[in-house]
Amino acid sequence: MFPLDETVERIPFSARMELSKKLSLDPTELIDWMNGEGLLELDWDFPHDGDLFAAGLDSTAVMQLVVAVEDEYGVELTPEELTRENLATPAKLAALISAQAF
């Protein structure tokens, strides 16, 4: 592609920035989002590898989390992906969401 090739649709810079944000969800952003949604009450310095189940994630909270994640991030999590391992920490959950985003 040539820089001035007008036959190729250009993606505005702001859209590229938004795209790159969606591709890599930061665990800290995920923690803040979960707190804001009232899904869990995590300390502001909750570690990226902290145990979400020990912090109060139970089966009811998992279902609320799945619905909220699908609404917020536009992903569809399959039952096979909803394992304790994938939901164990903010880092693992962020990686799962990021992998599904595109």
PDB file of N, CA and C in Angstrom:
ATOM      1  N   MET A   1       0.836  -1.161   0.000  1.00  0.00           N
ATOM      2  CA  MET A   1       0.000   0.000   0.000  1.00  0.00           C
ATOM      3  C   MET A   1       0.888   1.233   0.000  1.00  0.00           C
ATOM      4  N   PHE A   2       0.583   2.172  -0.868  1.00  0.00           N
ATOM      5  CA  PHE A   2       1.307   3.427  -0.932  1.00  0.00           C
ATOM      6  C   PHE A   2       0.663   4.432   0.014  1.00  0.00           C
ATOM      7  N   PRO A   3       1.458   5.316   0.580  1.00  0.00           N
ATOM      8  CA  PRO A   3       0.901   6.265   1.552  1.00  0.00           C
ATOM      9  C   PRO A   3      -0.243   7.123   1.013  1.00  0.00           C
ATOM     10  N   LEU A   4      -0.236   7.413  -0.259  1.00  0.00           N
ATOM     11  CA  LEU A   4      -1.271   8.270  -0.814  1.00  0.00           C
ATOM     12  C   LEU A   4      -2.298   7.491  -1.628  1.00  0.00           C
ATOM     13  N   ASP A   5      -2.315   6.188  -1.470  1.00  0.00           N
ATOM     14  CA  ASP A   5      -3.256   5.350  -2.202  1.00  0.00           C
ATOM     15  C   ASP A   5      -4.661   5.571  -1.654  1.00  0.00           C
ATOM     16  N   GLU A   6      -5.508   6.228  -2.409  1.00  0.00           N
ATOM     17  CA  GLU A   6      -6.849   6.571  -1.949  1.00  0.00           C
ATOM     18  C   GLU A   6      -7.852   5.439  -2.143  1.00  0.00           C
ATOM     19  N   THR A   7      -7.435   4.350  -2.758  1.00  0.00           N
ATOM     20  CA  THR A   7      -8.361   3.238  -2.953  1.00  0.00           C
ATOM     21  C   THR A   7      -8.503   2.399  -1.690  1.00  0.00           C
ATOM     22  N   VAL A   8      -7.598   2.580  -0.733  1.00  0.00           N
ATOM     23  CA  VAL A   8      -7.637   1.828   0.513  1.00  0.00           C
ATOM     24  C   VAL A   8      -8.301   2.698   1.575  1.00  0.00           C
ATOM     25  N   GLU A   9      -9.278   2.128   2.254  1.00  0.00           N
ATOM     26  CA  GLU A   9      -9.971   2.873   3.307  1.00  0.00           C
ATOM     27  C   GLU A   9      -9.013   3.135   4.457  1.00  0.00           C
ATOM     28  N   ARG A  10      -8.941   4.364   4.857  1.00  0.00           N
ATOM     29  CA  ARG A  10      -8.060   4.762   5.953  1.00  0.00           C
ATOM     30  C   ARG A  10      -8.808   4.660   7.279  1.00  0.00           C
ATOM     31  N   ILE A  11      -8.089   4.236   8.286  1.00  0.00           N
ATOM     32  CA  ILE A  11      -8.644   4.189   9.630  1.00  0.00           C
ATOM     33  C   ILE A  11      -8.085   5.397  10.376  1.00  0.00           C
ATOM     34  N   PRO A  12      -8.964   6.283  10.859  1.00  0.00           N
ATOM     35  CA  PRO A  12      -8.484   7.458  11.586  1.00  0.00           C
ATOM     36  C   PRO A  12      -7.646   7.056  12.795  1.00  0.00           C
ATOM     37  N   PHE A  13      -6.724   7.944  13.164  1.00  0.00           N
ATOM     38  CA  PHE A  13      -5.829   7.666  14.277  1.00  0.00           C
ATOM     39  C   PHE A  13      -6.596   7.332  15.542  1.00  0.00           C
ATOM     40  N   SER A  14      -7.647   8.101  15.845  1.00  0.00           N
ATOM     41  CA  SER A  14      -8.414   7.846  17.073  1.00  0.00           C
ATOM     42  C   SER A  14      -9.032   6.452  17.061  1.00  0.00           C
ATOM     43  N   ALA A  15      -9.479   6.000  15.897  1.00  0.00           N
ATOM     44  CA  ALA A  15     -10.053   4.655  15.787  1.00  0.00           C
ATOM     45  C   ALA A  15      -8.975   3.598  15.971  1.00  0.00           C
ATOM     46  N   ARG A  16      -7.774   3.862  15.469  1.00  0.00           N
ATOM     47  CA  ARG A  16      -6.675   2.917  15.666  1.00  0.00           C
ATOM     48  C   ARG A  16      -6.304   2.821  17.135  1.00  0.00           C
ATOM     49  N   MET A  17      -6.328   3.955  17.835  1.00  0.00           N
ATOM     50  CA  MET A  17      -6.032   3.946  19.265  1.00  0.00           C
ATOM     51  C   MET A  17      -7.090   3.142  20.013  1.00  0.00           C
ATOM     52  N   GLU A  18      -8.345   3.334  19.657  1.00  0.00           N
ATOM     53  CA  GLU A  18      -9.427   2.586  20.301  1.00  0.00           C
ATOM     54  C   GLU A  18      -9.275   1.095  20.015  1.00  0.00           C
ATOM     55  N   LEU A  19      -8.905   0.755  18.784  1.00  0.00           N
ATOM     56  CA  LEU A  19      -8.699  -0.634  18.398  1.00  0.00           C
ATOM     57  C   LEU A  19      -7.584  -1.253  19.216  1.00  0.00           C
ATOM     58  N   SER A  20      -6.478  -0.526  19.385  1.00  0.00           N
ATOM     59  CA  SER A  20      -5.357  -1.084  20.129  1.00  0.00           C
ATOM     60  C   SER A  20      -5.716  -1.249  21.608  1.00  0.00           C
ATOM     61  N   LYS A  21      -6.575  -0.367  22.162  1.00  0.00           N
ATOM     62  CA  LYS A  21      -7.028  -0.528  23.532  1.00  0.00           C
ATOM     63  C   LYS A  21      -7.830  -1.808  23.677  1.00  0.00           C
ATOM     64  N   LYS A  22      -8.667  -2.103  22.707  1.00  0.00           N
ATOM     65  CA  LYS A  22      -9.508  -3.290  22.784  1.00  0.00           C
ATOM     66  C   LYS A  22      -8.695  -4.563  22.654  1.00  0.00           C
ATOM     67  N   LEU A  23      -7.594  -4.500  21.918  1.00  0.00           N
ATOM     68  CA  LEU A  23      -6.790  -5.687  21.715  1.00  0.00           C
ATOM     69  C   LEU A  23      -6.028  -6.100  22.965  1.00  0.00           C
ATOM     70  N   SER A  24      -5.750  -5.151  23.834  1.00  0.00           N
ATOM     71  CA  SER A  24      -4.958  -5.450  25.007  1.00  0.00           C
ATOM     72  C   SER A  24      -5.581  -4.772  26.226  1.00  0.00           C
ATOM     73  N   LEU A  25      -6.454  -5.461  26.898  1.00  0.00           N
ATOM     74  CA  LEU A  25      -7.112  -4.937  28.083  1.00  0.00           C
ATOM     75  C   LEU A  25      -6.159  -5.041  29.260  1.00  0.00           C
ATOM     76  N   ASP A  26      -5.920  -3.922  29.905  1.00  0.00           N
ATOM     77  CA  ASP A  26      -5.023  -3.865  31.045  1.00  0.00           C
ATOM     78  C   ASP A  26      -5.753  -4.391  32.286  1.00  0.00           C
ATOM     79  N   PRO A  27      -5.117  -5.260  33.067  1.00  0.00           N
ATOM     80  CA  PRO A  27      -5.767  -5.782  34.268  1.00  0.00           C
ATOM     81  C   PRO A  27      -6.193  -4.687  35.253  1.00  0.00           C
ATOM     82  N   THR A  28      -5.427  -3.610  35.347  1.00  0.00           N
ATOM     83  CA  THR A  28      -5.805  -2.510  36.242  1.00  0.00           C
ATOM     84  C   THR A  28      -7.104  -1.864  35.771  1.00  0.00           C
ATOM     85  N   GLU A  29      -7.247  -1.670  34.462  1.00  0.00           N
ATOM     86  CA  GLU A  29      -8.494  -1.135  33.915  1.00  0.00           C
ATOM     87  C   GLU A  29      -9.655  -2.086  34.208  1.00  0.00           C
ATOM     88  N   LEU A  30      -9.401  -3.374  34.113  1.00  0.00           N
ATOM     89  CA  LEU A  30     -10.435  -4.368  34.388  1.00  0.00           C
ATOM     90  C   LEU A  30     -10.858  -4.316  35.855  1.00  0.00           C
ATOM     91  N   ILE A  31      -9.896  -4.181  36.754  1.00  0.00           N
ATOM     92  CA  ILE A  31     -10.201  -4.077  38.185  1.00  0.00           C
ATOM     93  C   ILE A  31     -11.058  -2.841  38.437  1.00  0.00           C
ATOM     94  N   ASP A  32     -10.653  -1.713  37.869  1.00  0.00           N
ATOM     95  CA  ASP A  32     -11.426  -0.473  38.037  1.00  0.00           C
ATOM     96  C   ASP A  32     -12.833  -0.627  37.490  1.00  0.00           C
ATOM     97  N   TRP A  33     -12.945  -1.279  36.331  1.00  0.00           N
ATOM     98  CA  TRP A  33     -14.257  -1.484  35.713  1.00  0.00           C
ATOM     99  C   TRP A  33     -15.134  -2.376  36.586  1.00  0.00           C
ATOM    100  N   MET A  34     -14.562  -3.477  37.094  1.00  0.00           N
ATOM    101  CA  MET A  34     -15.339  -4.380  37.957  1.00  0.00           C
ATOM    102  C   MET A  34     -15.827  -3.655  39.203  1.00  0.00           C
ATOM    103  N   ASN A  35     -14.982  -2.820  39.788  1.00  0.00           N
ATOM    104  CA  ASN A  35     -15.395  -2.030  40.953  1.00  0.00           C
ATOM    105  C   ASN A  35     -16.513  -1.068  40.574  1.00  0.00           C
ATOM    106  N   GLY A  36     -16.363  -0.394  39.457  1.00  0.00           N
ATOM    107  CA  GLY A  36     -17.363   0.566  39.007  1.00  0.00           C
ATOM    108  C   GLY A  36     -18.705  -0.075  38.708  1.00  0.00           C
ATOM    109  N   GLU A  37     -18.680  -1.296  38.222  1.00  0.00           N
ATOM    110  CA  GLU A  37     -19.917  -2.028  37.914  1.00  0.00           C
ATOM    111  C   GLU A  37     -20.528  -2.668  39.156  1.00  0.00           C
ATOM    112  N   GLY A  38     -19.794  -2.648  40.256  1.00  0.00           N
ATOM    113  CA  GLY A  38     -20.288  -3.267  41.483  1.00  0.00           C
ATOM    114  C   GLY A  38     -20.210  -4.781  41.455  1.00  0.00           C
ATOM    115  N   LEU A  39     -19.369  -5.331  40.590  1.00  0.00           N
ATOM    116  CA  LEU A  39     -19.244  -6.787  40.491  1.00  0.00           C
ATOM    117  C   LEU A  39     -18.449  -7.360  41.655  1.00  0.00           C
ATOM    118  N   LEU A  40     -17.400  -6.670  42.031  1.00  0.00           N
ATOM    119  CA  LEU A  40     -16.575  -7.031  43.183  1.00  0.00           C
ATOM    120  C   LEU A  40     -16.084  -5.739  43.814  1.00  0.00           C
ATOM    121  N   GLU A  41     -15.767  -5.795  45.077  1.00  0.00           N
ATOM    122  CA  GLU A  41     -15.160  -4.645  45.740  1.00  0.00           C
ATOM    123  C   GLU A  41     -13.701  -4.984  45.991  1.00  0.00           C
ATOM    124  N   LEU A  42     -12.864  -4.548  45.057  1.00  0.00           N
ATOM    125  CA  LEU A  42     -11.434  -4.830  45.141  1.00  0.00           C
ATOM    126  C   LEU A  42     -10.690  -3.573  45.549  1.00  0.00           C
ATOM    127  N   ASP A  43      -9.642  -3.729  46.339  1.00  0.00           N
ATOM    128  CA  ASP A  43      -8.805  -2.594  46.702  1.00  0.00           C
ATOM    129  C   ASP A  43      -8.166  -2.015  45.455  1.00  0.00           C
ATOM    130  N   TRP A  44      -7.843  -0.721  45.517  1.00  0.00           N
ATOM    131  CA  TRP A  44      -7.249  -0.055  44.356  1.00  0.00           C
ATOM    132  C   TRP A  44      -5.914  -0.685  43.972  1.00  0.00           C
ATOM    133  N   ASP A  45      -5.240  -1.320  44.937  1.00  0.00           N
ATOM    134  CA  ASP A  45      -3.947  -1.947  44.643  1.00  0.00           C
ATOM    135  C   ASP A  45      -4.043  -3.474  44.556  1.00  0.00           C
ATOM    136  N   PHE A  46      -5.240  -3.964  44.257  1.00  0.00           N
ATOM    137  CA  PHE A  46      -5.420  -5.416  44.101  1.00  0.00           C
ATOM    138  C   PHE A  46      -4.441  -5.905  43.033  1.00  0.00           C
ATOM    139  N   PRO A  47      -3.664  -6.944  43.337  1.00  0.00           N
ATOM    140  CA  PRO A  47      -2.643  -7.394  42.375  1.00  0.00           C
ATOM    141  C   PRO A  47      -3.249  -8.033  41.123  1.00  0.00           C
ATOM    142  N   HIS A  48      -2.542  -7.889  40.023  1.00  0.00           N
ATOM    143  CA  HIS A  48      -2.991  -8.460  38.749  1.00  0.00           C
ATOM    144  C   HIS A  48      -3.107  -9.972  38.832  1.00  0.00           C
ATOM    145  N   ASP A  49      -2.311 -10.581  39.694  1.00  0.00           N
ATOM    146  CA  ASP A  49      -2.372 -12.038  39.851  1.00  0.00           C
ATOM    147  C   ASP A  49      -3.110 -12.437  41.138  1.00  0.00           C
ATOM    148  N   GLY A  50      -3.883 -11.494  41.687  1.00  0.00           N
ATOM    149  CA  GLY A  50      -4.657 -11.778  42.896  1.00  0.00           C
ATOM    150  C   GLY A  50      -5.812 -12.720  42.611  1.00  0.00           C
ATOM    151  N   ASP A  51      -6.172 -13.511  43.585  1.00  0.00           N
ATOM    152  CA  ASP A  51      -7.222 -14.522  43.453  1.00  0.00           C
ATOM    153  C   ASP A  51      -8.606 -13.867  43.542  1.00  0.00           C
ATOM    154  N   LEU A  52      -9.321 -13.807  42.424  1.00  0.00           N
ATOM    155  CA  LEU A  52     -10.649 -13.203  42.397  1.00  0.00           C
ATOM    156  C   LEU A  52     -11.660 -14.016  43.189  1.00  0.00           C
ATOM    157  N   PHE A  53     -11.467 -15.322  43.253  1.00  0.00           N
ATOM    158  CA  PHE A  53     -12.394 -16.162  44.011  1.00  0.00           C
ATOM    159  C   PHE A  53     -12.229 -15.918  45.514  1.00  0.00           C
ATOM    160  N   ALA A  54     -11.002 -15.735  45.968  1.00  0.00           N
ATOM    161  CA  ALA A  54     -10.761 -15.416  47.372  1.00  0.00           C
ATOM    162  C   ALA A  54     -11.299 -14.020  47.707  1.00  0.00           C
ATOM    163  N   ALA A  55     -11.378 -13.158  46.691  1.00  0.00           N
ATOM    164  CA  ALA A  55     -11.876 -11.795  46.882  1.00  0.00           C
ATOM    165  C   ALA A  55     -13.403 -11.716  46.824  1.00  0.00           C
ATOM    166  N   GLY A  56     -14.067 -12.851  46.607  1.00  0.00           N
ATOM    167  CA  GLY A  56     -15.525 -12.858  46.647  1.00  0.00           C
ATOM    168  C   GLY A  56     -16.226 -13.260  45.365  1.00  0.00           C
ATOM    169  N   LEU A  57     -15.491 -13.622  44.345  1.00  0.00           N
ATOM    170  CA  LEU A  57     -16.126 -14.073  43.101  1.00  0.00           C
ATOM    171  C   LEU A  57     -16.720 -15.459  43.336  1.00  0.00           C
ATOM    172  N   ASP A  58     -18.047 -15.535  43.327  1.00  0.00           N
ATOM    173  CA  ASP A  58     -18.735 -16.810  43.499  1.00  0.00           C
ATOM    174  C   ASP A  58     -19.555 -17.091  42.243  1.00  0.00           C
ATOM    175  N   SER A  59     -20.344 -18.140  42.263  1.00  0.00           N
ATOM    176  CA  SER A  59     -21.068 -18.535  41.048  1.00  0.00           C
ATOM    177  C   SER A  59     -22.046 -17.455  40.595  1.00  0.00           C
ATOM    178  N   THR A  60     -22.697 -16.784  41.517  1.00  0.00           N
ATOM    179  CA  THR A  60     -23.620 -15.708  41.148  1.00  0.00           C
ATOM    180  C   THR A  60     -22.854 -14.542  40.541  1.00  0.00           C
ATOM    181  N   ALA A  61     -21.740 -14.188  41.173  1.00  0.00           N
ATOM    182  CA  ALA A  61     -20.925 -13.087  40.660  1.00  0.00           C
ATOM    183  C   ALA A  61     -20.330 -13.426  39.293  1.00  0.00           C
ATOM    184  N   VAL A  62     -20.003 -14.697  39.063  1.00  0.00           N
ATOM    185  CA  VAL A  62     -19.477 -15.110  37.758  1.00  0.00           C
ATOM    186  C   VAL A  62     -20.512 -14.855  36.668  1.00  0.00           C
ATOM    187  N   MET A  63     -21.759 -15.208  36.942  1.00  0.00           N
ATOM    188  CA  MET A  63     -22.800 -14.996  35.934  1.00  0.00           C
ATOM    189  C   MET A  63     -23.000 -13.506  35.662  1.00  0.00           C
ATOM    190  N   GLN A  64     -22.994 -12.688  36.708  1.00  0.00           N
ATOM    191  CA  GLN A  64     -23.101 -11.239  36.529  1.00  0.00           C
ATOM    192  C   GLN A  64     -21.906 -10.704  35.764  1.00  0.00           C
ATOM    193  N   LEU A  65     -20.742 -11.224  36.083  1.00  0.00           N
ATOM    194  CA  LEU A  65     -19.514 -10.804  35.405  1.00  0.00           C
ATOM    195  C   LEU A  65     -19.560 -11.133  33.920  1.00  0.00           C
ATOM    196  N   VAL A  66     -20.002 -12.330  33.579  1.00  0.00           N
ATOM    197  CA  VAL A  66     -20.073 -12.755  32.181  1.00  0.00           C
ATOM    198  C   VAL A  66     -21.007 -11.840  31.390  1.00  0.00           C
ATOM    199  N   VAL A  67     -22.171 -11.569  31.926  1.00  0.00           N
ATOM    200  CA  VAL A  67     -23.131 -10.696  31.236  1.00  0.00           C
ATOM    201  C   VAL A  67     -22.541  -9.297  31.072  1.00  0.00           C
ATOM    202  N   ALA A  68     -21.934  -8.777  32.128  1.00  0.00           N
ATOM    203  CA  ALA A  68     -21.364  -7.431  32.075  1.00  0.00           C
ATOM    204  C   ALA A  68     -20.195  -7.355  31.094  1.00  0.00           C
ATOM    205  N   VAL A  69     -19.339  -8.383  31.080  1.00  0.00           N
ATOM    206  CA  VAL A  69     -18.201  -8.416  30.141  1.00  0.00           C
ATOM    207  C   VAL A  69     -18.701  -8.442  28.708  1.00  0.00           C
ATOM    208  N   GLU A  70     -19.697  -9.284  28.443  1.00  0.00           N
ATOM    209  CA  GLU A  70     -20.227  -9.380  27.082  1.00  0.00           C
ATOM    210  C   GLU A  70     -20.843  -8.055  26.639  1.00  0.00           C
ATOM    211  N   ASP A  71     -21.537  -7.368  27.541  1.00  0.00           N
ATOM    212  CA  ASP A  71     -22.129  -6.073  27.206  1.00  0.00           C
ATOM    213  C   ASP A  71     -21.067  -4.995  27.009  1.00  0.00           C
ATOM    214  N   GLU A  72     -20.105  -4.936  27.914  1.00  0.00           N
ATOM    215  CA  GLU A  72     -19.100  -3.873  27.893  1.00  0.00           C
ATOM    216  C   GLU A  72     -18.088  -4.031  26.771  1.00  0.00           C
ATOM    217  N   TYR A  73     -17.616  -5.251  26.562  1.00  0.00           N
ATOM    218  CA  TYR A  73     -16.518  -5.474  25.628  1.00  0.00           C
ATOM    219  C   TYR A  73     -16.949  -6.115  24.315  1.00  0.00           C
ATOM    220  N   GLY A  74     -18.215  -6.434  24.189  1.00  0.00           N
ATOM    221  CA  GLY A  74     -18.721  -6.973  22.934  1.00  0.00           C
ATOM    222  C   GLY A  74     -18.159  -8.333  22.577  1.00  0.00           C
ATOM    223  N   VAL A  75     -17.872  -9.138  23.571  1.00  0.00           N
ATOM    224  CA  VAL A  75     -17.350 -10.485  23.333  1.00  0.00           C
ATOM    225  C   VAL A  75     -18.387 -11.498  23.786  1.00  0.00           C
ATOM    226  N   GLU A  76     -18.273 -12.694  23.275  1.00  0.00           N
ATOM    227  CA  GLU A  76     -19.145 -13.777  23.716  1.00  0.00           C
ATOM    228  C   GLU A  76     -18.274 -14.870  24.296  1.00  0.00           C
ATOM    229  N   LEU A  77     -18.409 -15.082  25.588  1.00  0.00           N
ATOM    230  CA  LEU A  77     -17.620 -16.100  26.264  1.00  0.00           C
ATOM    231  C   LEU A  77     -18.397 -17.409  26.252  1.00  0.00           C
ATOM    232  N   THR A  78     -17.752 -18.445  25.789  1.00  0.00           N
ATOM    233  CA  THR A  78     -18.401 -19.752  25.706  1.00  0.00           C
ATOM    234  C   THR A  78     -18.283 -20.480  27.043  1.00  0.00           C
ATOM    235  N   PRO A  79     -19.155 -21.440  27.280  1.00  0.00           N
ATOM    236  CA  PRO A  79     -19.060 -22.220  28.522  1.00  0.00           C
ATOM    237  C   PRO A  79     -17.690 -22.882  28.695  1.00  0.00           C
ATOM    238  N   GLU A  80     -17.068 -23.282  27.607  1.00  0.00           N
ATOM    239  CA  GLU A  80     -15.749 -23.920  27.685  1.00  0.00           C
ATOM    240  C   GLU A  80     -14.685 -22.945  28.183  1.00  0.00           C
ATOM    241  N   GLU A  81     -14.890 -21.651  27.944  1.00  0.00           N
ATOM    242  CA  GLU A  81     -13.919 -20.638  28.369  1.00  0.00           C
ATOM    243  C   GLU A  81     -14.122 -20.204  29.816  1.00  0.00           C
ATOM    244  N   LEU A  82     -15.285 -20.496  30.364  1.00  0.00           N
ATOM    245  CA  LEU A  82     -15.610 -20.051  31.715  1.00  0.00           C
ATOM    246  C   LEU A  82     -15.100 -21.036  32.753  1.00  0.00           C
ATOM    247  N   THR A  83     -13.792 -21.200  32.750  1.00  0.00           N
ATOM    248  CA  THR A  83     -13.156 -22.102  33.707  1.00  0.00           C
ATOM    249  C   THR A  83     -12.631 -21.300  34.895  1.00  0.00           C
ATOM    250  N   ARG A  84     -12.448 -21.983  35.976  1.00  0.00           N
ATOM    251  CA  ARG A  84     -11.874 -21.331  37.170  1.00  0.00           C
ATOM    252  C   ARG A  84     -10.509 -20.730  36.827  1.00  0.00           C
ATOM    253  N   GLU A  85      -9.756 -21.421  36.018  1.00  0.00           N
ATOM    254  CA  GLU A  85      -8.424 -20.927  35.642  1.00  0.00           C
ATOM    255  C   GLU A  85      -8.512 -19.609  34.860  1.00  0.00           C
ATOM    256  N   ASN A  86      -9.420 -19.519  33.885  1.00  0.00           N
ATOM    257  CA  ASN A  86      -9.550 -18.304  33.076  1.00  0.00           C
ATOM    258  C   ASN A  86     -10.087 -17.117  33.868  1.00  0.00           C
ATOM    259  N   LEU A  87     -10.836 -17.402  34.938  1.00  0.00           N
ATOM    260  CA  LEU A  87     -11.450 -16.340  35.730  1.00  0.00           C
ATOM    261  C   LEU A  87     -10.711 -16.086  37.045  1.00  0.00           C
ATOM    262  N   ALA A  88      -9.596 -16.761  37.261  1.00  0.00           N
ATOM    263  CA  ALA A  88      -8.924 -16.750  38.556  1.00  0.00           C
ATOM    264  C   ALA A  88      -8.330 -15.403  38.946  1.00  0.00           C
ATOM    265  N   THR A  89      -7.774 -14.686  37.991  1.00  0.00           N
ATOM    266  CA  THR A  89      -7.075 -13.433  38.308  1.00  0.00           C
ATOM    267  C   THR A  89      -7.468 -12.353  37.312  1.00  0.00           C
ATOM    268  N   PRO A  90      -7.274 -11.089  37.671  1.00  0.00           N
ATOM    269  CA  PRO A  90      -7.539 -10.021  36.706  1.00  0.00           C
ATOM    270  C   PRO A  90      -6.701 -10.166  35.430  1.00  0.00           C
ATOM    271  N   ALA A  91      -5.459 -10.615  35.564  1.00  0.00           N
ATOM    272  CA  ALA A  91      -4.595 -10.770  34.389  1.00  0.00           C
ATOM    273  C   ALA A  91      -5.134 -11.849  33.446  1.00  0.00           C
ATOM    274  N   LYS A  92      -5.567 -12.967  34.002  1.00  0.00           N
ATOM    275  CA  LYS A  92      -6.079 -14.052  33.156  1.00  0.00           C
ATOM    276  C   LYS A  92      -7.415 -13.678  32.529  1.00  0.00           C
ATOM    277  N   LEU A  93      -8.261 -13.001  33.286  1.00  0.00           N
ATOM    278  CA  LEU A  93      -9.546 -12.568  32.741  1.00  0.00           C
ATOM    279  C   LEU A  93      -9.336 -11.514  31.649  1.00  0.00           C
ATOM    280  N   ALA A  94      -8.427 -10.594  31.866  1.00  0.00           N
ATOM    281  CA  ALA A  94      -8.125  -9.572  30.857  1.00  0.00           C
ATOM    282  C   ALA A  94      -7.585 -10.222  29.578  1.00  0.00           C
ATOM    283  N   ALA A  95      -6.747 -11.229  29.734  1.00  0.00           N
ATOM    284  CA  ALA A  95      -6.206 -11.936  28.563  1.00  0.00           C
ATOM    285  C   ALA A  95      -7.330 -12.653  27.802  1.00  0.00           C
ATOM    286  N   LEU A  96      -8.260 -13.263  28.522  1.00  0.00           N
ATOM    287  CA  LEU A  96      -9.387 -13.950  27.888  1.00  0.00           C
ATOM    288  C   LEU A  96     -10.232 -12.962  27.104  1.00  0.00           C
ATOM    289  N   ILE A  97     -10.554 -11.835  27.717  1.00  0.00           N
ATOM    290  CA  ILE A  97     -11.365 -10.824  27.033  1.00  0.00           C
ATOM    291  C   ILE A  97     -10.627 -10.275  25.817  1.00  0.00           C
ATOM    292  N   SER A  98      -9.346  -9.995  25.977  1.00  0.00           N
ATOM    293  CA  SER A  98      -8.545  -9.463  24.871  1.00  0.00           C
ATOM    294  C   SER A  98      -8.487 -10.449  23.711  1.00  0.00           C
ATOM    295  N   ALA A  99      -8.358 -11.724  24.026  1.00  0.00           N
ATOM    296  CA  ALA A  99      -8.284 -12.751  22.979  1.00  0.00           C
ATOM    297  C   ALA A  99      -9.602 -12.848  22.207  1.00  0.00           C
ATOM    298  N   GLN A 100     -10.711 -12.569  22.889  1.00  0.00           N
ATOM    299  CA  GLN A 100     -12.022 -12.662  22.256  1.00  0.00           C
ATOM    300  C   GLN A 100     -12.427 -11.394  21.522  1.00  0.00           C
ATOM    301  N   ALA A 101     -11.757 -10.280  21.829  1.00  0.00           N
ATOM    302  CA  ALA A 101     -12.177  -8.980  21.275  1.00  0.00           C
ATOM    303  C   ALA A 101     -12.103  -8.949  19.762  1.00  0.00           C
ATOM    304  N   PHE A 102     -11.169  -9.689  19.166  1.00  0.00           N
ATOM    305  CA  PHE A 102     -11.050  -9.687  17.704  1.00  0.00           C
ATOM    306  C   PHE A 102     -10.654 -11.031  17.193  1.00  0.00           C
TER     307      PHE A 102
END
